[in-house]
Amino acid sequence: MVFSPLVHTRQGSGEPVVLIHGIGHRRQAWGPVFDRLSERYDVIAVDLAGFGESPAFPAGVPYTMDVACEHLGEQFAAWGVERPHVVGNSLGGAIALELGARGLASSVTALSPAGFFGRFDRYQALGILSVLRLVAQLPDRLLAVAARSALGRRLIGLALYAHPERHDRERTYGDALALKHCEGFEAVAKEGLDYEFALDVTVPTTVAWGTKDRILPYRQSARARHRLPQAHHVPLVGAGHVPMSDSPDEIVALVDATVGRARTGAAA
């Protein structure tokens, strides 16, 4: 299958590291750690198909993990990278684990990855995300007004971040517009109703989970530990669902440690 190219931002040199965002988000989610990682890696932050600035899949192409991994594998080849280190959050964390299980990545750092739901967790997550998507449908002028105040930014970002007040007006407004206009949201959400991660990942893997995650609660990390006993599991104390701005120092350190284990051939 031939796919459209994915919009991405690339910076730095060294071993390739691909950053994969979550549902409804965009590559700019990695802003708090992007420059620091690019000081020592060839960093590629990507907009997934139907999100950010990347075009959606053509009609009839499903938003399954098989398709997502095939698409990214094609992009890796087009970017001239082979088995990069992958770092993902939420949906992106699940994709990163899938890439690792399929031999398409050298290491995996998964931040609050999807796919480890309890009985009702998936409905809680999709319910919260659907409310966020609904709020994002407000007129652009109202979204811009809300993003100007600290209270508005906190209300907009409370479900995603432990510290939404750290975001400026431009970032908050841009994230709201990205969620408003993304074409892949409903298709990915539909696939998420049945998705469970159930593969073996043999490359060095770190799973980190925000203890204040309101979308995929920290209790799900216990299921990740059970299914991925060979991985390194880390609580991100005080961080929310999208921890790159809540805990940037910890995220950079975890990527460094995971890449380091891959260099030495250590599985965990």
C-alpha atoms as a PDB file:
ATOM      1  CA  MET A   1       0.000   0.000   0.000  1.00  0.00           C
ATOM      2  CA  VAL A   2       1.288   3.463  -0.921  1.00  0.00           C
ATOM      3  CA  PHE A   3       0.532   6.196   1.609  1.00  0.00           C
ATOM      4  CA  SER A   4       0.786   9.974   1.595  1.00  0.00           C
ATOM      5  CA  PRO A   5       3.905  11.364   3.300  1.00  0.00           C
ATOM      6  CA  LEU A   6       3.531  12.365   6.926  1.00  0.00           C
ATOM      7  CA  VAL A   7       4.266  15.948   7.914  1.00  0.00           C
ATOM      8  CA  HIS A   8       7.142  15.995  10.373  1.00  0.00           C
ATOM      9  CA  THR A   9       9.770  18.194  11.987  1.00  0.00           C
ATOM     10  CA  ARG A  10      13.354  16.927  11.975  1.00  0.00           C
ATOM     11  CA  GLN A  11      16.341  18.302  13.860  1.00  0.00           C
ATOM     12  CA  GLY A  12      19.697  17.193  15.225  1.00  0.00           C
ATOM     13  CA  SER A  13      22.096  14.400  14.377  1.00  0.00           C
ATOM     14  CA  GLY A  14      23.029  11.008  15.733  1.00  0.00           C
ATOM     15  CA  GLU A  15      20.883   7.944  16.248  1.00  0.00           C
ATOM     16  CA  PRO A  16      17.332   8.475  14.925  1.00  0.00           C
ATOM     17  CA  VAL A  17      14.532   8.987  17.449  1.00  0.00           C
ATOM     18  CA  VAL A  18      10.918   9.203  16.230  1.00  0.00           C
ATOM     19  CA  LEU A  19       8.330  10.933  18.451  1.00  0.00           C
ATOM     20  CA  ILE A  20       4.669   9.860  18.093  1.00  0.00           C
ATOM     21  CA  HIS A  21       1.789  11.849  19.615  1.00  0.00           C
ATOM     22  CA  GLY A  22      -1.590  10.702  20.931  1.00  0.00           C
ATOM     23  CA  ILE A  23      -5.125  10.836  19.531  1.00  0.00           C
ATOM     24  CA  GLY A  24      -6.273  14.358  18.701  1.00  0.00           C
ATOM     25  CA  HIS A  25      -2.836  15.815  19.306  1.00  0.00           C
ATOM     26  CA  ARG A  26      -0.011  16.979  17.014  1.00  0.00           C
ATOM     27  CA  ARG A  27       3.757  16.830  16.728  1.00  0.00           C
ATOM     28  CA  GLN A  28       4.118  20.068  18.699  1.00  0.00           C
ATOM     29  CA  ALA A  29       3.167  18.090  21.833  1.00  0.00           C
ATOM     30  CA  TRP A  30       6.867  17.175  21.991  1.00  0.00           C
ATOM     31  CA  GLY A  31       7.952  20.812  22.135  1.00  0.00           C
ATOM     32  CA  PRO A  32       9.092  20.715  25.795  1.00  0.00           C
ATOM     33  CA  VAL A  33      11.639  17.965  25.045  1.00  0.00           C
ATOM     34  CA  PHE A  34      12.281  18.279  21.301  1.00  0.00           C
ATOM     35  CA  ASP A  35      15.231  20.681  21.355  1.00  0.00           C
ATOM     36  CA  ARG A  36      16.937  18.891  24.234  1.00  0.00           C
ATOM     37  CA  LEU A  37      16.669  15.502  22.545  1.00  0.00           C
ATOM     38  CA  SER A  38      17.913  16.950  19.252  1.00  0.00           C
ATOM     39  CA  GLU A  39      21.155  17.996  20.967  1.00  0.00           C
ATOM     40  CA  ARG A  40      22.239  14.342  20.786  1.00  0.00           C
ATOM     41  CA  TYR A  41      19.836  12.534  18.436  1.00  0.00           C
ATOM     42  CA  ASP A  42      18.394  12.863  14.961  1.00  0.00           C
ATOM     43  CA  VAL A  43      14.875  13.638  16.182  1.00  0.00           C
ATOM     44  CA  ILE A  44      11.769  13.329  14.008  1.00  0.00           C
ATOM     45  CA  ALA A  45       8.440  14.491  15.486  1.00  0.00           C
ATOM     46  CA  VAL A  46       5.620  13.297  13.258  1.00  0.00           C
ATOM     47  CA  ASP A  47       1.961  14.138  12.693  1.00  0.00           C
ATOM     48  CA  LEU A  48       0.071  10.853  12.312  1.00  0.00           C
ATOM     49  CA  ALA A  49      -2.318  10.422   9.392  1.00  0.00           C
ATOM     50  CA  GLY A  50      -5.437  12.511   9.944  1.00  0.00           C
ATOM     51  CA  PHE A  51      -3.863  14.572  12.740  1.00  0.00           C
ATOM     52  CA  GLY A  52      -1.925  17.820  12.856  1.00  0.00           C
ATOM     53  CA  GLU A  53      -1.000  18.749   9.304  1.00  0.00           C
ATOM     54  CA  SER A  54      -0.868  15.221   7.870  1.00  0.00           C
ATOM     55  CA  PRO A  55      -3.618  14.163   5.452  1.00  0.00           C
ATOM     56  CA  ALA A  56      -6.085  11.497   6.489  1.00  0.00           C
ATOM     57  CA  PHE A  57      -6.041   8.021   4.987  1.00  0.00           C
ATOM     58  CA  PRO A  58      -8.063   7.656   1.789  1.00  0.00           C
ATOM     59  CA  ALA A  59     -11.622   6.384   2.112  1.00  0.00           C
ATOM     60  CA  GLY A  60     -11.676   2.677   2.808  1.00  0.00           C
ATOM     61  CA  VAL A  61      -8.271   2.528   4.518  1.00  0.00           C
ATOM     62  CA  PRO A  62      -8.826   1.515   8.164  1.00  0.00           C
ATOM     63  CA  TYR A  63      -7.057   3.120  11.106  1.00  0.00           C
ATOM     64  CA  THR A  64      -5.758  -0.182  12.458  1.00  0.00           C
ATOM     65  CA  MET A  65      -2.417  -0.870  14.097  1.00  0.00           C
ATOM     66  CA  ASP A  66      -1.383  -2.960  11.101  1.00  0.00           C
ATOM     67  CA  VAL A  67      -1.960  -0.015   8.776  1.00  0.00           C
ATOM     68  CA  ALA A  68      -0.356   2.512  11.148  1.00  0.00           C
ATOM     69  CA  CYS A  69       2.797   0.405  11.474  1.00  0.00           C
ATOM     70  CA  GLU A  70       2.994  -0.257   7.740  1.00  0.00           C
ATOM     71  CA  HIS A  71       2.620   3.473   7.096  1.00  0.00           C
ATOM     72  CA  LEU A  72       5.337   4.424   9.570  1.00  0.00           C
ATOM     73  CA  GLY A  73       7.617   1.695   8.231  1.00  0.00           C
ATOM     74  CA  GLU A  74       7.293   3.281   4.780  1.00  0.00           C
ATOM     75  CA  GLN A  75       8.043   6.699   6.268  1.00  0.00           C
ATOM     76  CA  PHE A  76      11.149   5.403   8.047  1.00  0.00           C
ATOM     77  CA  ALA A  77      12.474   4.201   4.696  1.00  0.00           C
ATOM     78  CA  ALA A  78      11.606   7.514   3.024  1.00  0.00           C
ATOM     79  CA  TRP A  79      13.392   9.415   5.805  1.00  0.00           C
ATOM     80  CA  GLY A  80      16.464   7.226   5.425  1.00  0.00           C
ATOM     81  CA  VAL A  81      16.264   5.693   8.907  1.00  0.00           C
ATOM     82  CA  GLU A  82      16.255   2.004   9.778  1.00  0.00           C
ATOM     83  CA  ARG A  83      14.828   0.715  13.046  1.00  0.00           C
ATOM     84  CA  PRO A  84      14.840   4.069  14.851  1.00  0.00           C
ATOM     85  CA  HIS A  85      14.283   4.448  18.560  1.00  0.00           C
ATOM     86  CA  VAL A  86      10.601   5.306  19.025  1.00  0.00           C
ATOM     87  CA  VAL A  87       8.972   7.362  21.763  1.00  0.00           C
ATOM     88  CA  GLY A  88       5.191   7.574  21.964  1.00  0.00           C
ATOM     89  CA  ASN A  89       2.444   8.944  24.171  1.00  0.00           C
ATOM     90  CA  SER A  90      -1.051   7.435  24.592  1.00  0.00           C
ATOM     91  CA  LEU A  91      -2.060   6.224  21.113  1.00  0.00           C
ATOM     92  CA  GLY A  92       1.525   6.955  20.106  1.00  0.00           C
ATOM     93  CA  GLY A  93       2.751   4.824  22.995  1.00  0.00           C
ATOM     94  CA  ALA A  94       0.712   1.875  21.759  1.00  0.00           C
ATOM     95  CA  ILE A  95       2.034   2.399  18.228  1.00  0.00           C
ATOM     96  CA  ALA A  96       5.590   2.551  19.585  1.00  0.00           C
ATOM     97  CA  LEU A  97       5.103  -0.790  21.361  1.00  0.00           C
ATOM     98  CA  GLU A  98       3.624  -2.308  18.199  1.00  0.00           C
ATOM     99  CA  LEU A  99       6.611  -1.086  16.176  1.00  0.00           C
ATOM    100  CA  GLY A 100       8.962  -2.629  18.724  1.00  0.00           C
ATOM    101  CA  ALA A 101       7.098  -5.941  18.634  1.00  0.00           C
ATOM    102  CA  ARG A 102       7.248  -5.993  14.821  1.00  0.00           C
ATOM    103  CA  GLY A 103      11.006  -5.450  14.637  1.00  0.00           C
ATOM    104  CA  LEU A 104      10.660  -1.916  13.248  1.00  0.00           C
ATOM    105  CA  ALA A 105      12.277  -0.127  16.207  1.00  0.00           C
ATOM    106  CA  SER A 106      15.554  -0.447  18.120  1.00  0.00           C
ATOM    107  CA  SER A 107      14.026   0.636  21.416  1.00  0.00           C
ATOM    108  CA  VAL A 108      10.678   1.803  22.764  1.00  0.00           C
ATOM    109  CA  THR A 109       9.814   4.478  25.299  1.00  0.00           C
ATOM    110  CA  ALA A 110       6.037   4.407  25.856  1.00  0.00           C
ATOM    111  CA  LEU A 111       4.386   7.147  27.939  1.00  0.00           C
ATOM    112  CA  SER A 112       0.924   6.197  29.274  1.00  0.00           C
ATOM    113  CA  PRO A 113       0.373   3.867  26.312  1.00  0.00           C
ATOM    114  CA  ALA A 114      -3.118   2.831  25.242  1.00  0.00           C
ATOM    115  CA  GLY A 115      -3.990  -0.860  25.157  1.00  0.00           C
ATOM    116  CA  PHE A 116      -3.922  -1.798  28.850  1.00  0.00           C
ATOM    117  CA  PHE A 117      -7.527  -1.006  29.691  1.00  0.00           C
ATOM    118  CA  GLY A 118      -9.586  -2.390  32.539  1.00  0.00           C
ATOM    119  CA  ARG A 119     -13.191  -3.397  32.012  1.00  0.00           C
ATOM    120  CA  PHE A 120     -14.567   0.137  31.700  1.00  0.00           C
ATOM    121  CA  ASP A 121     -11.368   2.165  31.257  1.00  0.00           C
ATOM    122  CA  ARG A 122     -11.593   2.464  27.491  1.00  0.00           C
ATOM    123  CA  TYR A 123     -15.071   3.998  27.745  1.00  0.00           C
ATOM    124  CA  GLN A 124     -13.860   6.467  30.369  1.00  0.00           C
ATOM    125  CA  ALA A 125     -10.939   7.481  28.153  1.00  0.00           C
ATOM    126  CA  LEU A 126     -12.985   7.827  24.995  1.00  0.00           C
ATOM    127  CA  GLY A 127     -15.693   9.671  26.907  1.00  0.00           C
ATOM    128  CA  ILE A 128     -13.250  12.291  28.214  1.00  0.00           C
ATOM    129  CA  LEU A 129     -11.585  12.646  24.825  1.00  0.00           C
ATOM    130  CA  SER A 130     -14.971  13.006  23.115  1.00  0.00           C
ATOM    131  CA  VAL A 131     -15.910  15.807  25.514  1.00  0.00           C
ATOM    132  CA  LEU A 132     -12.626  17.553  24.721  1.00  0.00           C
ATOM    133  CA  ARG A 133     -13.336  17.111  21.020  1.00  0.00           C
ATOM    134  CA  LEU A 134     -16.833  18.583  21.506  1.00  0.00           C
ATOM    135  CA  VAL A 135     -15.521  21.603  23.404  1.00  0.00           C
ATOM    136  CA  ALA A 136     -12.965  22.173  20.637  1.00  0.00           C
ATOM    137  CA  GLN A 137     -15.867  22.669  18.198  1.00  0.00           C
ATOM    138  CA  LEU A 138     -16.595  26.064  19.766  1.00  0.00           C
ATOM    139  CA  PRO A 139     -16.027  29.035  17.439  1.00  0.00           C
ATOM    140  CA  ASP A 140     -12.359  29.858  16.979  1.00  0.00           C
ATOM    141  CA  ARG A 141     -12.911  33.288  18.530  1.00  0.00           C
ATOM    142  CA  LEU A 142     -14.158  31.748  21.791  1.00  0.00           C
ATOM    143  CA  LEU A 143     -11.282  29.275  21.879  1.00  0.00           C
ATOM    144  CA  ALA A 144      -8.842  32.146  21.403  1.00  0.00           C
ATOM    145  CA  VAL A 145     -10.453  34.151  24.224  1.00  0.00           C
ATOM    146  CA  ALA A 146     -10.310  31.150  26.580  1.00  0.00           C
ATOM    147  CA  ALA A 147      -6.639  30.556  25.743  1.00  0.00           C
ATOM    148  CA  ARG A 148      -5.735  34.118  26.765  1.00  0.00           C
ATOM    149  CA  SER A 149      -6.410  33.596  30.470  1.00  0.00           C
ATOM    150  CA  ALA A 150      -4.638  31.287  32.905  1.00  0.00           C
ATOM    151  CA  LEU A 151      -8.028  29.979  34.074  1.00  0.00           C
ATOM    152  CA  GLY A 152      -9.122  29.264  30.510  1.00  0.00           C
ATOM    153  CA  ARG A 153      -5.882  27.451  29.740  1.00  0.00           C
ATOM    154  CA  ARG A 154      -6.272  25.402  32.901  1.00  0.00           C
ATOM    155  CA  LEU A 155      -9.846  24.407  32.055  1.00  0.00           C
ATOM    156  CA  ILE A 156      -8.897  23.489  28.473  1.00  0.00           C
ATOM    157  CA  GLY A 157      -5.891  21.402  29.481  1.00  0.00           C
ATOM    158  CA  LEU A 158      -6.909  19.957  32.848  1.00  0.00           C
ATOM    159  CA  ALA A 159      -7.750  16.478  31.501  1.00  0.00           C
ATOM    160  CA  LEU A 160      -4.425  16.174  29.659  1.00  0.00           C
ATOM    161  CA  TYR A 161      -1.874  17.825  31.934  1.00  0.00           C
ATOM    162  CA  ALA A 162      -1.173  18.097  35.632  1.00  0.00           C
ATOM    163  CA  HIS A 163       0.113  21.641  34.983  1.00  0.00           C
ATOM    164  CA  PRO A 164      -1.787  23.170  32.033  1.00  0.00           C
ATOM    165  CA  GLU A 165      -0.941  26.615  33.371  1.00  0.00           C
ATOM    166  CA  ARG A 166       2.595  26.083  32.037  1.00  0.00           C
ATOM    167  CA  HIS A 167       1.284  26.405  28.474  1.00  0.00           C
ATOM    168  CA  ASP A 168       1.113  29.758  26.762  1.00  0.00           C
ATOM    169  CA  ARG A 169      -1.816  31.135  24.782  1.00  0.00           C
ATOM    170  CA  GLU A 170      -0.443  30.139  21.372  1.00  0.00           C
ATOM    171  CA  ARG A 171       0.174  26.532  22.350  1.00  0.00           C
ATOM    172  CA  THR A 172      -3.210  26.103  24.033  1.00  0.00           C
ATOM    173  CA  TYR A 173      -5.060  27.645  21.097  1.00  0.00           C
ATOM    174  CA  GLY A 174      -3.053  25.613  18.591  1.00  0.00           C
ATOM    175  CA  ASP A 175      -3.782  22.368  20.425  1.00  0.00           C
ATOM    176  CA  ALA A 176      -7.499  23.199  20.495  1.00  0.00           C
ATOM    177  CA  LEU A 177      -7.542  23.859  16.757  1.00  0.00           C
ATOM    178  CA  ALA A 178      -5.632  20.620  16.105  1.00  0.00           C
ATOM    179  CA  LEU A 179      -8.238  18.667  18.069  1.00  0.00           C
ATOM    180  CA  LYS A 180     -11.048  20.540  16.324  1.00  0.00           C
ATOM    181  CA  HIS A 181      -9.871  19.866  12.790  1.00  0.00           C
ATOM    182  CA  CYS A 182      -8.250  16.419  12.984  1.00  0.00           C
ATOM    183  CA  GLU A 183      -9.906  14.054  10.513  1.00  0.00           C
ATOM    184  CA  GLY A 184      -8.760  10.801  12.066  1.00  0.00           C
ATOM    185  CA  PHE A 185     -10.311  11.165  15.521  1.00  0.00           C
ATOM    186  CA  GLU A 186     -13.537   9.199  15.100  1.00  0.00           C
ATOM    187  CA  ALA A 187     -11.932   6.398  13.083  1.00  0.00           C
ATOM    188  CA  VAL A 188      -9.153   5.933  15.646  1.00  0.00           C
ATOM    189  CA  ALA A 189     -11.629   6.108  18.539  1.00  0.00           C
ATOM    190  CA  LYS A 190     -13.747   3.409  16.900  1.00  0.00           C
ATOM    191  CA  GLU A 191     -10.735   1.114  16.557  1.00  0.00           C
ATOM    192  CA  GLY A 192      -9.861   1.830  20.183  1.00  0.00           C
ATOM    193  CA  LEU A 193     -13.089   0.244  21.398  1.00  0.00           C
ATOM    194  CA  ASP A 194     -11.626  -3.216  20.719  1.00  0.00           C
ATOM    195  CA  TYR A 195      -7.889  -2.632  20.972  1.00  0.00           C
ATOM    196  CA  GLU A 196      -5.665  -4.428  23.485  1.00  0.00           C
ATOM    197  CA  PHE A 197      -1.891  -4.649  23.351  1.00  0.00           C
ATOM    198  CA  ALA A 198      -0.968  -8.327  23.548  1.00  0.00           C
ATOM    199  CA  LEU A 199       2.375  -8.781  21.760  1.00  0.00           C
ATOM    200  CA  ASP A 200       5.898  -9.546  22.961  1.00  0.00           C
ATOM    201  CA  VAL A 201       8.434  -6.734  22.748  1.00  0.00           C
ATOM    202  CA  THR A 202      12.019  -7.958  22.844  1.00  0.00           C
ATOM    203  CA  VAL A 203      13.835  -4.667  22.223  1.00  0.00           C
ATOM    204  CA  PRO A 204      14.772  -2.476  25.222  1.00  0.00           C
ATOM    205  CA  THR A 205      11.520  -0.972  26.431  1.00  0.00           C
ATOM    206  CA  THR A 206      10.518   1.587  29.022  1.00  0.00           C
ATOM    207  CA  VAL A 207       6.899   2.154  30.052  1.00  0.00           C
ATOM    208  CA  ALA A 208       6.356   5.337  32.063  1.00  0.00           C
ATOM    209  CA  TRP A 209       3.020   6.411  33.504  1.00  0.00           C
ATOM    210  CA  GLY A 210       1.859   9.683  35.012  1.00  0.00           C
ATOM    211  CA  THR A 211       0.469   9.138  38.500  1.00  0.00           C
ATOM    212  CA  LYS A 212      -2.076  11.928  37.866  1.00  0.00           C
ATOM    213  CA  ASP A 213      -3.188  10.633  34.468  1.00  0.00           C
ATOM    214  CA  ARG A 214      -6.917  11.383  34.194  1.00  0.00           C
ATOM    215  CA  ILE A 215      -7.492   9.697  30.815  1.00  0.00           C
ATOM    216  CA  LEU A 216      -5.562   6.440  31.201  1.00  0.00           C
ATOM    217  CA  PRO A 217      -5.333   6.203  35.013  1.00  0.00           C
ATOM    218  CA  TYR A 218      -2.114   5.068  36.639  1.00  0.00           C
ATOM    219  CA  ARG A 219      -3.721   1.784  37.775  1.00  0.00           C
ATOM    220  CA  GLN A 220      -3.425   0.600  34.175  1.00  0.00           C
ATOM    221  CA  SER A 221       0.340   0.506  34.626  1.00  0.00           C
ATOM    222  CA  ALA A 222      -0.153  -2.700  36.653  1.00  0.00           C
ATOM    223  CA  ARG A 223      -1.522  -4.424  33.546  1.00  0.00           C
ATOM    224  CA  ALA A 224       1.421  -3.135  31.540  1.00  0.00           C
ATOM    225  CA  ARG A 225       3.812  -4.606  34.105  1.00  0.00           C
ATOM    226  CA  HIS A 226       2.044  -7.958  33.868  1.00  0.00           C
ATOM    227  CA  ARG A 227       2.024  -8.079  30.068  1.00  0.00           C
ATOM    228  CA  LEU A 228       5.496  -6.616  29.595  1.00  0.00           C
ATOM    229  CA  PRO A 229       7.552  -8.112  32.433  1.00  0.00           C
ATOM    230  CA  GLN A 230      10.814  -7.575  30.545  1.00  0.00           C
ATOM    231  CA  ALA A 231      10.251  -3.805  30.259  1.00  0.00           C
ATOM    232  CA  HIS A 232      11.485  -1.125  32.640  1.00  0.00           C
ATOM    233  CA  HIS A 233       8.411   0.414  34.349  1.00  0.00           C
ATOM    234  CA  VAL A 234       8.579   3.908  35.836  1.00  0.00           C
ATOM    235  CA  PRO A 235       5.977   6.053  37.638  1.00  0.00           C
ATOM    236  CA  LEU A 236       6.036   9.707  36.639  1.00  0.00           C
ATOM    237  CA  VAL A 237       5.090  11.179  39.986  1.00  0.00           C
ATOM    238  CA  GLY A 238       2.737  14.134  39.670  1.00  0.00           C
ATOM    239  CA  ALA A 239       2.526  14.001  35.868  1.00  0.00           C
ATOM    240  CA  GLY A 240      -0.650  13.869  33.801  1.00  0.00           C
ATOM    241  CA  HIS A 241      -1.605  12.006  30.641  1.00  0.00           C
ATOM    242  CA  VAL A 242       0.681  14.026  28.355  1.00  0.00           C
ATOM    243  CA  PRO A 243       3.785  14.192  30.558  1.00  0.00           C
ATOM    244  CA  MET A 244       6.238  15.921  28.253  1.00  0.00           C
ATOM    245  CA  SER A 245       5.462  19.355  29.720  1.00  0.00           C
ATOM    246  CA  ASP A 246       4.756  18.111  33.257  1.00  0.00           C
ATOM    247  CA  SER A 247       8.018  16.128  33.575  1.00  0.00           C
ATOM    248  CA  PRO A 248      10.386  17.098  30.740  1.00  0.00           C
ATOM    249  CA  ASP A 249      13.577  16.280  32.658  1.00  0.00           C
ATOM    250  CA  GLU A 250      12.346  12.786  33.462  1.00  0.00           C
ATOM    251  CA  ILE A 251      11.237  12.136  29.873  1.00  0.00           C
ATOM    252  CA  VAL A 252      14.628  13.132  28.443  1.00  0.00           C
ATOM    253  CA  ALA A 253      16.400  10.968  31.013  1.00  0.00           C
ATOM    254  CA  LEU A 254      14.168   7.973  30.242  1.00  0.00           C
ATOM    255  CA  VAL A 255      14.805   8.255  26.506  1.00  0.00           C
ATOM    256  CA  ASP A 256      18.559   8.481  27.157  1.00  0.00           C
ATOM    257  CA  ALA A 257      18.463   5.426  29.417  1.00  0.00           C
ATOM    258  CA  THR A 258      16.385   3.360  26.984  1.00  0.00           C
ATOM    259  CA  VAL A 259      18.582   4.254  24.020  1.00  0.00           C
ATOM    260  CA  GLY A 260      21.608   3.451  26.161  1.00  0.00           C
ATOM    261  CA  ARG A 261      20.276  -0.030  26.887  1.00  0.00           C
ATOM    262  CA  ALA A 262      19.801  -0.581  23.169  1.00  0.00           C
ATOM    263  CA  ARG A 263      23.410   0.396  22.523  1.00  0.00           C
ATOM    264  CA  THR A 264      24.644  -2.183  25.005  1.00  0.00           C
ATOM    265  CA  GLY A 265      22.183  -4.860  23.909  1.00  0.00           C
ATOM    266  CA  ALA A 266      20.351  -5.011  27.245  1.00  0.00           C
ATOM    267  CA  ALA A 267      16.695  -6.001  27.013  1.00  0.00           C
ATOM    268  CA  ALA A 268      15.680  -4.400  30.306  1.00  0.00           C
END
